[in-house]
C-alpha atoms as a PDB file:
ATOM      1  CA  MET A   1      90.478 149.106 150.966  1.00  0.00           C
ATOM      2  CA  LYS A   2      92.172 149.699 147.654  1.00  0.00           C
ATOM      3  CA  ASN A   3      90.845 149.278 144.161  1.00  0.00           C
ATOM      4  CA  THR A   4      93.034 148.354 141.247  1.00  0.00           C
ATOM      5  CA  LYS A   5      94.211 151.288 139.177  1.00  0.00           C
ATOM      6  CA  ARG A   6      95.656 149.889 136.008  1.00  0.00           C
ATOM      7  CA  MET A   7      95.242 146.892 133.809  1.00  0.00           C
ATOM      8  CA  LEU A   8      96.009 145.778 130.281  1.00  0.00           C
ATOM      9  CA  GLY A   9      93.328 146.682 127.787  1.00  0.00           C
ATOM     10  CA  LEU A  10      94.571 144.432 124.972  1.00  0.00           C
ATOM     11  CA  LEU A  11      91.841 141.852 125.438  1.00  0.00           C
ATOM     12  CA  LEU A  12      89.216 141.506 128.127  1.00  0.00           C
ATOM     13  CA  SER A  13      90.983 141.529 131.449  1.00  0.00           C
ATOM     14  CA  LEU A  14      90.350 142.155 135.101  1.00  0.00           C
ATOM     15  CA  LEU A  15      93.664 142.148 136.872  1.00  0.00           C
ATOM     16  CA  MET A  16      97.093 143.629 137.175  1.00  0.00           C
ATOM     17  CA  LEU A  17      98.998 145.165 134.247  1.00  0.00           C
ATOM     18  CA  GLY A  18     100.054 144.237 130.764  1.00  0.00           C
ATOM     19  CA  THR A  19     102.619 145.349 128.214  1.00  0.00           C
ATOM     20  CA  LEU A  20     102.720 145.450 124.454  1.00  0.00           C
ATOM     21  CA  LEU A  21     105.963 145.325 122.500  1.00  0.00           C
ATOM     22  CA  THR A  22     106.320 147.721 119.569  1.00  0.00           C
ATOM     23  CA  GLY A  23     108.917 148.148 116.836  1.00  0.00           C
ATOM     24  CA  CYS A  24     111.286 145.414 117.964  1.00  0.00           C
ATOM     25  CA  GLY A  25     113.126 142.978 115.710  1.00  0.00           C
ATOM     26  CA  GLY A  26     111.042 141.899 112.722  1.00  0.00           C
ATOM     27  CA  SER A  27     107.893 143.403 114.118  1.00  0.00           C
ATOM     28  CA  SER A  28     106.189 146.507 112.811  1.00  0.00           C
ATOM     29  CA  ALA A  29     103.758 148.658 114.743  1.00  0.00           C
ATOM     30  CA  ASP A  30     100.286 149.289 113.388  1.00  0.00           C
ATOM     31  CA  ASP A  31      98.347 152.509 113.945  1.00  0.00           C
ATOM     32  CA  SER A  32      97.444 151.468 117.493  1.00  0.00           C
ATOM     33  CA  GLY A  33     101.082 150.845 118.420  1.00  0.00           C
ATOM     34  CA  THR A  34     100.587 147.086 118.622  1.00  0.00           C
ATOM     35  CA  ALA A  35     103.398 144.994 117.211  1.00  0.00           C
ATOM     36  CA  GLU A  36     102.639 142.520 114.500  1.00  0.00           C
ATOM     37  CA  ASN A  37     104.752 140.042 112.516  1.00  0.00           C
ATOM     38  CA  SER A  38     104.390 139.723 108.766  1.00  0.00           C
ATOM     39  CA  SER A  39     105.372 136.470 107.102  1.00  0.00           C
ATOM     40  CA  ALA A  40     106.670 136.067 103.560  1.00  0.00           C
ATOM     41  CA  SER A  41     103.110 135.373 102.449  1.00  0.00           C
ATOM     42  CA  GLY A  42     101.971 138.692 103.896  1.00  0.00           C
ATOM     43  CA  GLU A  43     100.028 137.149 106.772  1.00  0.00           C
ATOM     44  CA  LYS A  44      99.893 139.140 109.982  1.00  0.00           C
ATOM     45  CA  SER A  45     100.430 137.253 113.213  1.00  0.00           C
ATOM     46  CA  MET A  46     101.134 137.876 116.868  1.00  0.00           C
ATOM     47  CA  VAL A  47     102.428 135.862 119.802  1.00  0.00           C
ATOM     48  CA  ILE A  48     101.070 136.849 123.208  1.00  0.00           C
ATOM     49  CA  ALA A  49     102.390 135.438 126.479  1.00  0.00           C
ATOM     50  CA  THR A  50      99.946 135.249 129.368  1.00  0.00           C
ATOM     51  CA  GLY A  51      99.859 134.135 132.969  1.00  0.00           C
ATOM     52  CA  GLN A  52      96.239 133.039 132.666  1.00  0.00           C
ATOM     53  CA  SER A  53      94.706 130.323 130.526  1.00  0.00           C
ATOM     54  CA  CYS A  54      92.020 127.670 130.522  1.00  0.00           C
ATOM     55  CA  THR A  55      91.819 123.903 130.868  1.00  0.00           C
ATOM     56  CA  THR A  56      88.878 123.559 128.501  1.00  0.00           C
ATOM     57  CA  LEU A  57      87.410 125.596 125.646  1.00  0.00           C
ATOM     58  CA  ASP A  58      83.863 124.761 126.698  1.00  0.00           C
ATOM     59  CA  PRO A  59      82.604 128.158 127.939  1.00  0.00           C
ATOM     60  CA  VAL A  60      80.033 126.748 130.383  1.00  0.00           C
ATOM     61  CA  GLN A  61      82.658 124.841 132.365  1.00  0.00           C
ATOM     62  CA  ASN A  62      84.264 126.506 135.378  1.00  0.00           C
ATOM     63  CA  TYR A  63      85.099 130.119 134.503  1.00  0.00           C
ATOM     64  CA  ASP A  64      86.485 129.288 131.073  1.00  0.00           C
ATOM     65  CA  GLY A  65      83.925 131.381 129.244  1.00  0.00           C
ATOM     66  CA  TRP A  66      86.275 134.283 129.967  1.00  0.00           C
ATOM     67  CA  TYR A  67      88.831 132.780 127.613  1.00  0.00           C
ATOM     68  CA  THR A  68      86.331 132.156 124.847  1.00  0.00           C
ATOM     69  CA  VAL A  69      85.774 135.918 124.793  1.00  0.00           C
ATOM     70  CA  ARG A  70      89.370 136.868 125.598  1.00  0.00           C
ATOM     71  CA  PHE A  71      90.742 134.819 122.703  1.00  0.00           C
ATOM     72  CA  GLY A  72      88.249 136.437 120.335  1.00  0.00           C
ATOM     73  CA  ILE A  73      86.215 133.282 119.708  1.00  0.00           C
ATOM     74  CA  GLY A  74      82.863 134.356 121.105  1.00  0.00           C
ATOM     75  CA  GLN A  75      80.768 137.329 122.153  1.00  0.00           C
ATOM     76  CA  THR A  76      77.917 137.982 124.575  1.00  0.00           C
ATOM     77  CA  LEU A  77      74.513 139.556 124.081  1.00  0.00           C
ATOM     78  CA  THR A  78      75.548 142.671 126.018  1.00  0.00           C
ATOM     79  CA  LYS A  79      78.860 144.142 127.106  1.00  0.00           C
ATOM     80  CA  PHE A  80      80.314 146.620 129.562  1.00  0.00           C
ATOM     81  CA  ASP A  81      81.721 149.787 128.038  1.00  0.00           C
ATOM     82  CA  ASP A  82      84.760 151.667 129.336  1.00  0.00           C
ATOM     83  CA  ASP A  83      82.615 153.629 131.785  1.00  0.00           C
ATOM     84  CA  PHE A  84      81.010 150.378 133.010  1.00  0.00           C
ATOM     85  CA  SER A  85      77.689 151.187 131.387  1.00  0.00           C
ATOM     86  CA  VAL A  86      75.988 148.296 129.596  1.00  0.00           C
ATOM     87  CA  SER A  87      75.191 148.272 125.881  1.00  0.00           C
ATOM     88  CA  GLY A  88      74.134 145.738 123.283  1.00  0.00           C
ATOM     89  CA  TRP A  89      76.719 143.579 121.523  1.00  0.00           C
ATOM     90  CA  LEU A  90      74.868 140.769 119.783  1.00  0.00           C
ATOM     91  CA  VAL A  91      71.571 142.489 120.556  1.00  0.00           C
ATOM     92  CA  GLU A  92      70.398 145.996 119.781  1.00  0.00           C
ATOM     93  CA  ASP A  93      70.399 148.678 122.468  1.00  0.00           C
ATOM     94  CA  ASP A  94      66.604 148.829 122.580  1.00  0.00           C
ATOM     95  CA  TYR A  95      66.142 146.013 125.116  1.00  0.00           C
ATOM     96  CA  SER A  96      63.395 146.621 127.657  1.00  0.00           C
ATOM     97  CA  SER A  97      61.715 145.046 130.672  1.00  0.00           C
ATOM     98  CA  SER A  98      58.288 144.843 132.260  1.00  0.00           C
ATOM     99  CA  ASP A  99      57.506 147.093 135.218  1.00  0.00           C
ATOM    100  CA  ASP A 100      58.375 144.330 137.665  1.00  0.00           C
ATOM    101  CA  ASN A 101      61.645 143.461 135.844  1.00  0.00           C
ATOM    102  CA  THR A 102      60.668 139.830 135.297  1.00  0.00           C
ATOM    103  CA  VAL A 103      60.077 139.929 131.528  1.00  0.00           C
ATOM    104  CA  TRP A 104      62.974 141.164 129.388  1.00  0.00           C
ATOM    105  CA  THR A 105      62.762 141.624 125.619  1.00  0.00           C
ATOM    106  CA  PHE A 106      65.823 141.778 123.361  1.00  0.00           C
ATOM    107  CA  THR A 107      66.244 142.253 119.613  1.00  0.00           C
ATOM    108  CA  VAL A 108      69.018 140.042 118.236  1.00  0.00           C
ATOM    109  CA  ARG A 109      71.101 141.860 115.643  1.00  0.00           C
ATOM    110  CA  ASP A 110      70.087 140.921 112.132  1.00  0.00           C
ATOM    111  CA  ASP A 111      73.604 141.102 110.638  1.00  0.00           C
ATOM    112  CA  VAL A 112      75.419 138.556 112.828  1.00  0.00           C
ATOM    113  CA  VAL A 113      76.609 135.148 111.645  1.00  0.00           C
ATOM    114  CA  PHE A 114      78.539 132.427 113.426  1.00  0.00           C
ATOM    115  CA  SER A 115      81.990 131.486 112.197  1.00  0.00           C
ATOM    116  CA  ASN A 116      80.425 128.588 110.249  1.00  0.00           C
ATOM    117  CA  GLY A 117      78.244 131.043 108.320  1.00  0.00           C
ATOM    118  CA  THR A 118      75.008 130.262 110.160  1.00  0.00           C
ATOM    119  CA  LYS A 119      72.849 133.333 110.801  1.00  0.00           C
ATOM    120  CA  LEU A 120      72.347 134.252 114.450  1.00  0.00           C
ATOM    121  CA  THR A 121      68.671 134.080 115.364  1.00  0.00           C
ATOM    122  CA  ALA A 122      66.760 134.418 118.605  1.00  0.00           C
ATOM    123  CA  GLU A 123      66.146 130.661 118.484  1.00  0.00           C
ATOM    124  CA  LEU A 124      69.888 129.949 118.455  1.00  0.00           C
ATOM    125  CA  VAL A 125      70.453 132.476 121.249  1.00  0.00           C
ATOM    126  CA  LYS A 126      67.737 130.732 123.251  1.00  0.00           C
ATOM    127  CA  ALA A 127      69.455 127.371 122.760  1.00  0.00           C
ATOM    128  CA  SER A 128      72.816 128.808 123.796  1.00  0.00           C
ATOM    129  CA  ILE A 129      71.443 130.260 127.055  1.00  0.00           C
ATOM    130  CA  GLU A 130      69.610 127.020 127.823  1.00  0.00           C
ATOM    131  CA  ASN A 131      72.897 125.168 127.275  1.00  0.00           C
ATOM    132  CA  VAL A 132      74.447 127.190 130.127  1.00  0.00           C
ATOM    133  CA  PHE A 133      71.838 125.841 132.550  1.00  0.00           C
ATOM    134  CA  GLU A 134      71.661 122.314 131.138  1.00  0.00           C
ATOM    135  CA  ASN A 135      75.380 121.540 130.787  1.00  0.00           C
ATOM    136  CA  GLY A 136      76.982 123.949 133.253  1.00  0.00           C
ATOM    137  CA  THR A 137      76.558 124.524 136.979  1.00  0.00           C
ATOM    138  CA  ARG A 138      76.879 128.282 137.423  1.00  0.00           C
ATOM    139  CA  GLY A 139      73.768 129.535 135.607  1.00  0.00           C
ATOM    140  CA  PRO A 140      71.521 129.619 138.726  1.00  0.00           C
ATOM    141  CA  GLU A 141      74.091 131.867 140.429  1.00  0.00           C
ATOM    142  CA  TYR A 142      72.981 134.597 138.032  1.00  0.00           C
ATOM    143  CA  PHE A 143      69.250 134.087 137.575  1.00  0.00           C
ATOM    144  CA  THR A 144      66.499 131.485 137.222  1.00  0.00           C
ATOM    145  CA  TYR A 145      64.315 131.664 134.157  1.00  0.00           C
ATOM    146  CA  GLU A 146      60.727 130.500 133.868  1.00  0.00           C
ATOM    147  CA  SER A 147      60.781 130.636 130.088  1.00  0.00           C
ATOM    148  CA  ILE A 148      62.838 131.767 127.113  1.00  0.00           C
ATOM    149  CA  GLU A 149      60.893 132.486 123.949  1.00  0.00           C
ATOM    150  CA  ALA A 150      62.162 133.196 120.433  1.00  0.00           C
ATOM    151  CA  ASP A 151      60.266 134.820 117.588  1.00  0.00           C
ATOM    152  CA  GLY A 152      62.429 135.699 114.599  1.00  0.00           C
ATOM    153  CA  GLN A 153      65.015 138.087 116.004  1.00  0.00           C
ATOM    154  CA  THR A 154      63.028 138.815 119.180  1.00  0.00           C
ATOM    155  CA  LEU A 155      64.137 137.102 122.375  1.00  0.00           C
ATOM    156  CA  THR A 156      62.005 137.197 125.523  1.00  0.00           C
ATOM    157  CA  ILE A 157      63.342 135.978 128.874  1.00  0.00           C
ATOM    158  CA  THR A 158      60.913 135.587 131.771  1.00  0.00           C
ATOM    159  CA  THR A 159      62.611 135.176 135.140  1.00  0.00           C
ATOM    160  CA  ALA A 160      61.332 133.576 138.320  1.00  0.00           C
ATOM    161  CA  GLU A 161      62.194 136.656 140.359  1.00  0.00           C
ATOM    162  CA  GLU A 162      62.755 140.340 139.719  1.00  0.00           C
ATOM    163  CA  GLU A 163      65.987 140.840 137.721  1.00  0.00           C
ATOM    164  CA  PRO A 164      66.574 144.597 137.338  1.00  0.00           C
ATOM    165  CA  ILE A 165      70.120 144.128 135.995  1.00  0.00           C
ATOM    166  CA  LEU A 166      69.641 141.100 133.763  1.00  0.00           C
ATOM    167  CA  PRO A 167      71.447 142.836 130.828  1.00  0.00           C
ATOM    168  CA  ASN A 168      74.474 143.251 133.107  1.00  0.00           C
ATOM    169  CA  LYS A 169      74.418 139.570 134.007  1.00  0.00           C
ATOM    170  CA  LEU A 170      74.159 138.495 130.375  1.00  0.00           C
ATOM    171  CA  ALA A 171      77.423 140.362 129.741  1.00  0.00           C
ATOM    172  CA  ASP A 172      79.255 137.766 131.824  1.00  0.00           C
ATOM    173  CA  PRO A 173      81.322 135.466 129.557  1.00  0.00           C
ATOM    174  CA  LEU A 174      79.475 132.490 131.020  1.00  0.00           C
ATOM    175  CA  PHE A 175      76.694 133.526 128.643  1.00  0.00           C
ATOM    176  CA  VAL A 176      78.876 133.753 125.525  1.00  0.00           C
ATOM    177  CA  ILE A 177      76.650 132.856 122.573  1.00  0.00           C
ATOM    178  CA  ILE A 178      77.652 129.696 120.702  1.00  0.00           C
ATOM    179  CA  ASP A 179      76.043 127.580 118.004  1.00  0.00           C
ATOM    180  CA  THR A 180      74.691 124.550 119.859  1.00  0.00           C
ATOM    181  CA  SER A 181      73.095 123.078 116.735  1.00  0.00           C
ATOM    182  CA  VAL A 182      76.466 121.659 115.661  1.00  0.00           C
ATOM    183  CA  ASP A 183      78.195 118.579 117.041  1.00  0.00           C
ATOM    184  CA  MET A 184      79.698 119.665 120.380  1.00  0.00           C
ATOM    185  CA  THR A 185      81.242 116.313 121.307  1.00  0.00           C
ATOM    186  CA  ASN A 186      84.782 117.720 121.157  1.00  0.00           C
ATOM    187  CA  ILE A 187      84.026 121.285 122.248  1.00  0.00           C
ATOM    188  CA  ALA A 188      86.462 121.088 125.171  1.00  0.00           C
ATOM    189  CA  ASP A 189      89.438 120.572 122.838  1.00  0.00           C
ATOM    190  CA  GLU A 190      88.247 122.080 119.561  1.00  0.00           C
ATOM    191  CA  GLY A 191      86.330 125.024 120.960  1.00  0.00           C
ATOM    192  CA  PRO A 192      82.824 126.288 120.240  1.00  0.00           C
ATOM    193  CA  VAL A 193      81.430 127.867 117.093  1.00  0.00           C
ATOM    194  CA  GLY A 194      81.136 131.515 118.075  1.00  0.00           C
ATOM    195  CA  THR A 195      80.589 134.926 116.542  1.00  0.00           C
ATOM    196  CA  GLY A 196      83.977 136.474 117.372  1.00  0.00           C
ATOM    197  CA  PRO A 197      86.734 137.590 114.981  1.00  0.00           C
ATOM    198  CA  PHE A 198      88.730 134.377 115.461  1.00  0.00           C
ATOM    199  CA  VAL A 199      88.263 130.619 115.376  1.00  0.00           C
ATOM    200  CA  VAL A 200      90.269 127.956 117.177  1.00  0.00           C
ATOM    201  CA  ASP A 201      93.140 126.565 115.132  1.00  0.00           C
ATOM    202  CA  THR A 202      94.951 124.449 117.721  1.00  0.00           C
ATOM    203  CA  PHE A 203      94.694 123.957 121.481  1.00  0.00           C
ATOM    204  CA  ASP A 204      97.113 121.945 123.627  1.00  0.00           C
ATOM    205  CA  VAL A 205      95.347 120.986 126.844  1.00  0.00           C
ATOM    206  CA  THR A 206      98.703 120.101 128.475  1.00  0.00           C
ATOM    207  CA  THR A 207     100.614 123.332 127.786  1.00  0.00           C
ATOM    208  CA  LYS A 208      97.431 125.427 127.508  1.00  0.00           C
ATOM    209  CA  GLU A 209      98.846 126.987 124.344  1.00  0.00           C
ATOM    210  CA  ILE A 210      96.199 128.072 121.877  1.00  0.00           C
ATOM    211  CA  THR A 211      96.363 129.448 118.356  1.00  0.00           C
ATOM    212  CA  VAL A 212      93.400 131.230 116.810  1.00  0.00           C
ATOM    213  CA  ALA A 213      92.938 132.122 113.158  1.00  0.00           C
ATOM    214  CA  ARG A 214      90.943 134.789 111.351  1.00  0.00           C
ATOM    215  CA  ASN A 215      87.201 134.166 111.147  1.00  0.00           C
ATOM    216  CA  GLU A 216      86.496 134.549 107.435  1.00  0.00           C
ATOM    217  CA  ASN A 217      82.798 135.005 108.180  1.00  0.00           C
ATOM    218  CA  TYR A 218      83.206 137.717 110.798  1.00  0.00           C
ATOM    219  CA  TRP A 219      80.182 139.990 110.815  1.00  0.00           C
ATOM    220  CA  ALA A 220      81.640 143.212 112.261  1.00  0.00           C
ATOM    221  CA  GLY A 221      84.242 144.201 109.677  1.00  0.00           C
ATOM    222  CA  GLU A 222      87.784 143.286 108.715  1.00  0.00           C
ATOM    223  CA  VAL A 223      89.846 141.262 111.186  1.00  0.00           C
ATOM    224  CA  ALA A 224      93.252 142.898 111.619  1.00  0.00           C
ATOM    225  CA  MET A 225      95.266 139.739 112.297  1.00  0.00           C
ATOM    226  CA  ASP A 226      95.476 136.426 110.465  1.00  0.00           C
ATOM    227  CA  GLN A 227      96.670 134.480 113.483  1.00  0.00           C
ATOM    228  CA  ILE A 228      97.364 134.942 117.183  1.00  0.00           C
ATOM    229  CA  THR A 229      99.142 132.433 119.410  1.00  0.00           C
ATOM    230  CA  PHE A 230      98.718 132.609 123.184  1.00  0.00           C
ATOM    231  CA  LEU A 231     101.568 131.073 125.190  1.00  0.00           C
ATOM    232  CA  TYR A 232     100.895 130.249 128.834  1.00  0.00           C
ATOM    233  CA  THR A 233     103.242 130.323 131.817  1.00  0.00           C
ATOM    234  CA  GLU A 234     102.775 131.207 135.480  1.00  0.00           C
ATOM    235  CA  ASP A 235     106.454 132.166 135.770  1.00  0.00           C
ATOM    236  CA  GLN A 236     106.593 135.969 135.773  1.00  0.00           C
ATOM    237  CA  SER A 237     110.323 135.999 135.001  1.00  0.00           C
ATOM    238  CA  THR A 238     109.653 133.924 131.877  1.00  0.00           C
ATOM    239  CA  LEU A 239     106.990 136.399 130.762  1.00  0.00           C
ATOM    240  CA  THR A 240     109.405 139.291 131.264  1.00  0.00           C
ATOM    241  CA  MET A 241     112.337 137.633 129.496  1.00  0.00           C
ATOM    242  CA  SER A 242     110.181 136.482 126.578  1.00  0.00           C
ATOM    243  CA  LEU A 243     109.141 140.060 125.944  1.00  0.00           C
ATOM    244  CA  GLN A 244     112.661 141.415 126.347  1.00  0.00           C
ATOM    245  CA  SER A 245     114.110 138.819 123.953  1.00  0.00           C
ATOM    246  CA  GLY A 246     111.463 139.443 121.314  1.00  0.00           C
ATOM    247  CA  ASP A 247     110.193 135.865 121.471  1.00  0.00           C
ATOM    248  CA  VAL A 248     106.705 137.267 122.040  1.00  0.00           C
ATOM    249  CA  ASP A 249     105.041 140.439 120.778  1.00  0.00           C
ATOM    250  CA  ALA A 250     102.974 141.158 123.869  1.00  0.00           C
ATOM    251  CA  VAL A 251     102.495 140.089 127.451  1.00  0.00           C
ATOM    252  CA  TYR A 252      99.135 140.048 129.162  1.00  0.00           C
ATOM    253  CA  ASN A 253      98.769 140.163 132.947  1.00  0.00           C
ATOM    254  CA  LEU A 254     102.368 141.113 133.671  1.00  0.00           C
ATOM    255  CA  SER A 255     103.360 141.367 137.333  1.00  0.00           C
ATOM    256  CA  MET A 256     103.264 144.926 138.662  1.00  0.00           C
ATOM    257  CA  THR A 257     106.829 144.502 139.924  1.00  0.00           C
ATOM    258  CA  ALA A 258     108.065 143.944 136.367  1.00  0.00           C
ATOM    259  CA  VAL A 259     106.387 146.897 134.684  1.00  0.00           C
ATOM    260  CA  GLY A 260     109.203 149.264 135.595  1.00  0.00           C
ATOM    261  CA  ASP A 261     111.550 147.325 133.305  1.00  0.00           C
ATOM    262  CA  PHE A 262     109.531 148.478 130.303  1.00  0.00           C
ATOM    263  CA  GLU A 263     108.010 151.847 131.162  1.00  0.00           C
ATOM    264  CA  ASN A 264     111.091 153.904 130.292  1.00  0.00           C
ATOM    265  CA  ASP A 265     112.037 151.946 127.180  1.00  0.00           C
ATOM    266  CA  SER A 266     110.703 153.386 123.917  1.00  0.00           C
ATOM    267  CA  ASN A 267     110.633 149.883 122.397  1.00  0.00           C
ATOM    268  CA  TYR A 268     107.669 149.007 124.596  1.00  0.00           C
ATOM    269  CA  ASN A 269     104.171 150.304 125.042  1.00  0.00           C
ATOM    270  CA  VAL A 270     102.365 149.799 128.351  1.00  0.00           C
ATOM    271  CA  ILE A 271      98.595 149.958 127.987  1.00  0.00           C
ATOM    272  CA  ARG A 272      96.592 150.492 131.169  1.00  0.00           C
ATOM    273  CA  THR A 273      92.977 150.943 132.043  1.00  0.00           C
ATOM    274  CA  ALA A 274      90.881 150.932 135.194  1.00  0.00           C
ATOM    275  CA  SER A 275      89.951 147.586 136.651  1.00  0.00           C
ATOM    276  CA  GLY A 276      86.521 146.517 137.784  1.00  0.00           C
ATOM    277  CA  ARG A 277      87.841 144.829 140.890  1.00  0.00           C
ATOM    278  CA  THR A 278      88.433 146.029 144.417  1.00  0.00           C
ATOM    279  CA  THR A 279      91.117 144.585 146.713  1.00  0.00           C
ATOM    280  CA  HIS A 280      90.239 144.464 150.399  1.00  0.00           C
ATOM    281  CA  GLY A 281      92.474 144.268 153.449  1.00  0.00           C
ATOM    282  CA  PHE A 282      91.026 142.468 156.482  1.00  0.00           C
ATOM    283  CA  MET A 283      91.875 143.296 160.071  1.00  0.00           C
ATOM    284  CA  ASN A 284      92.209 140.779 162.887  1.00  0.00           C
ATOM    285  CA  GLN A 285      89.246 141.148 165.250  1.00  0.00           C
ATOM    286  CA  ASN A 286      90.666 139.144 168.133  1.00  0.00           C
ATOM    287  CA  GLY A 287      92.294 140.382 171.358  1.00  0.00           C
ATOM    288  CA  LEU A 288      92.741 144.151 171.515  1.00  0.00           C
ATOM    289  CA  LEU A 289      91.390 144.510 168.008  1.00  0.00           C
ATOM    290  CA  GLY A 290      88.118 143.059 169.172  1.00  0.00           C
ATOM    291  CA  ASP A 291      87.285 146.642 170.116  1.00  0.00           C
ATOM    292  CA  GLU A 292      85.324 148.108 167.191  1.00  0.00           C
ATOM    293  CA  VAL A 293      86.175 151.714 168.108  1.00  0.00           C
ATOM    294  CA  LEU A 294      89.888 150.890 168.113  1.00  0.00           C
ATOM    295  CA  ARG A 295      89.594 149.259 164.678  1.00  0.00           C
ATOM    296  CA  GLN A 296      87.779 152.313 163.347  1.00  0.00           C
ATOM    297  CA  ALA A 297      90.539 154.562 164.690  1.00  0.00           C
ATOM    298  CA  LEU A 298      93.230 152.460 163.041  1.00  0.00           C
ATOM    299  CA  LEU A 299      91.368 152.492 159.726  1.00  0.00           C
ATOM    300  CA  ARG A 300      91.200 156.282 159.837  1.00  0.00           C
ATOM    301  CA  TYR A 301      94.954 156.530 160.384  1.00  0.00           C
ATOM    302  CA  ILE A 302      96.062 154.050 157.724  1.00  0.00           C
ATOM    303  CA  ASP A 303      98.098 155.875 155.078  1.00  0.00           C
ATOM    304  CA  ARG A 304      96.386 154.441 152.006  1.00  0.00           C
ATOM    305  CA  ASP A 305      98.314 156.691 149.604  1.00  0.00           C
ATOM    306  CA  THR A 306     101.678 155.331 150.743  1.00  0.00           C
ATOM    307  CA  TYR A 307     100.355 151.768 150.679  1.00  0.00           C
ATOM    308  CA  CYS A 308      99.296 152.175 147.064  1.00  0.00           C
ATOM    309  CA  GLU A 309     102.268 154.134 145.747  1.00  0.00           C
ATOM    310  CA  THR A 310     105.092 152.429 147.658  1.00  0.00           C
ATOM    311  CA  LEU A 311     104.044 148.973 148.792  1.00  0.00           C
ATOM    312  CA  LEU A 312     101.953 148.308 145.671  1.00  0.00           C
ATOM    313  CA  ASN A 313     104.232 150.106 143.183  1.00  0.00           C
ATOM    314  CA  GLY A 314     101.644 152.661 142.168  1.00  0.00           C
ATOM    315  CA  GLN A 315      99.416 150.060 140.572  1.00  0.00           C
ATOM    316  CA  TYR A 316      96.488 150.697 142.927  1.00  0.00           C
ATOM    317  CA  VAL A 317      94.548 153.770 144.017  1.00  0.00           C
ATOM    318  CA  PRO A 318      93.112 154.370 147.491  1.00  0.00           C
ATOM    319  CA  GLY A 319      89.503 153.297 147.865  1.00  0.00           C
ATOM    320  CA  LYS A 320      86.811 154.488 150.208  1.00  0.00           C
ATOM    321  CA  THR A 321      83.890 152.094 149.634  1.00  0.00           C
ATOM    322  CA  LEU A 322      83.242 148.507 148.627  1.00  0.00           C
ATOM    323  CA  VAL A 323      82.400 149.845 145.157  1.00  0.00           C
ATOM    324  CA  THR A 324      85.274 150.350 142.732  1.00  0.00           C
ATOM    325  CA  SER A 325      85.866 153.888 141.458  1.00  0.00           C
ATOM    326  CA  ALA A 326      86.014 152.436 137.942  1.00  0.00           C
ATOM    327  CA  SER A 327      82.248 151.992 137.971  1.00  0.00           C
ATOM    328  CA  ASN A 328      79.500 154.576 137.617  1.00  0.00           C
ATOM    329  CA  TYR A 329      77.356 153.173 140.408  1.00  0.00           C
ATOM    330  CA  GLY A 330      77.571 156.036 142.909  1.00  0.00           C
ATOM    331  CA  TYR A 331      81.196 155.779 144.056  1.00  0.00           C
ATOM    332  CA  GLU A 332      81.464 159.519 144.695  1.00  0.00           C
ATOM    333  CA  SER A 333      78.192 159.703 146.626  1.00  0.00           C
END
């Protein structure tokens, strides 16, 4: 078993690697080393190429809630920090549960507004969570609620069964908080009204290209960019050449075989962080390998270090359990 070692930290990501271009052509690097383009009007913009995109901007459909968060449109009640601990995002950190973990109480932040200027209240959070279960299909995979109650900024969720890690589950982008009080007829193409630093400008469902613009009502401080365009292609060579030619400022989810082209070039900055995923190798259990003792012996003799460094280009680290070493849930013990 091997768990992923590195991954782009530009947005919210789970897989592979990414690269950021700095100081190339007409781009200038900001304090974080991220390239940005400045137009004659002084607007700051970026173009990011990616090998992953969505078919709809409705966050409750399929797994497309990931992109609502990744593109900076929406946020969740809680979030995972770098050490995989959970903290409040749109709620305060003082959430609590009953002794049997069936009644959870959250305090919705009092300073949050949606991109349309509407104040975020517990009632609107309640409606957004209910929308996941009413108009999506994946809600019951996470939990079943008996009731959701709102009182001012206090949100109370009562679940049908014990849910000791409900805050963790609410960090999943499926539960991105959106304003459901507005007309959502065209949400798939126009995107939701969220609380993130950006709003949808244009979305081409055919090419999957999306442009987001600064949210002028953003609640958490100044937004660094005026506009970001995400270009989609599954062709890894196109991603690589676009970055090398300067047609894009950054590439997200770059193939691990292409990273070497950029690592030793001072014009590029490769940002990596630990992934939350574990990759498993499965062994045939037929014939001779039907013998469990023989399989155990083979597992003990597999050279995981060489697998990771040579076969997988150093982009993975050897694993020893089903739990990824990136988490703080007892990997070492």
